[in-house]
Amino acid sequence: MSALVPVIIWLADPTPSLPPASTAPDDLVTPGVIGFVITFLVAVATVFLIIDMTRRIRRVRYREEIRAQLAVEQHAVASTPSALSKKRSPASTSALPAKPATKPRSG
């Protein structure tokens, strides 16, 4: 029982009082206008970086989807060569029209 007496006294002791309020002026201990402006600029820069990162990620994802779609289409065309020849018309397989003749410049 003698071992419990100091513990009981310690637990029964009232909590210590708060330290006295600071006597320093508020303009010396707060960040002030400059701190607010810097914090605001960091927050704005963070928002712009997040927006830019989202755009870049979306762009990469779309490019990969297009590459995959093109690969599937190329594989489908390569596996069925007869389907490709049926789709082409004689006009599309002909050579490009000749360029009109131009007069040589004299000079």
Foldseek 3Di string as FASTA:
>chain_A
DVVCVVVVVVVPDDDDDDDDDDPDDPVVVDPPPVVVVVVVVVVVVVVVVVVVVVVVVVVVVVVVVVVVVVVVVVVVCVVCVVVVVVPDDPVVPDDDDDDDDDDDDDD
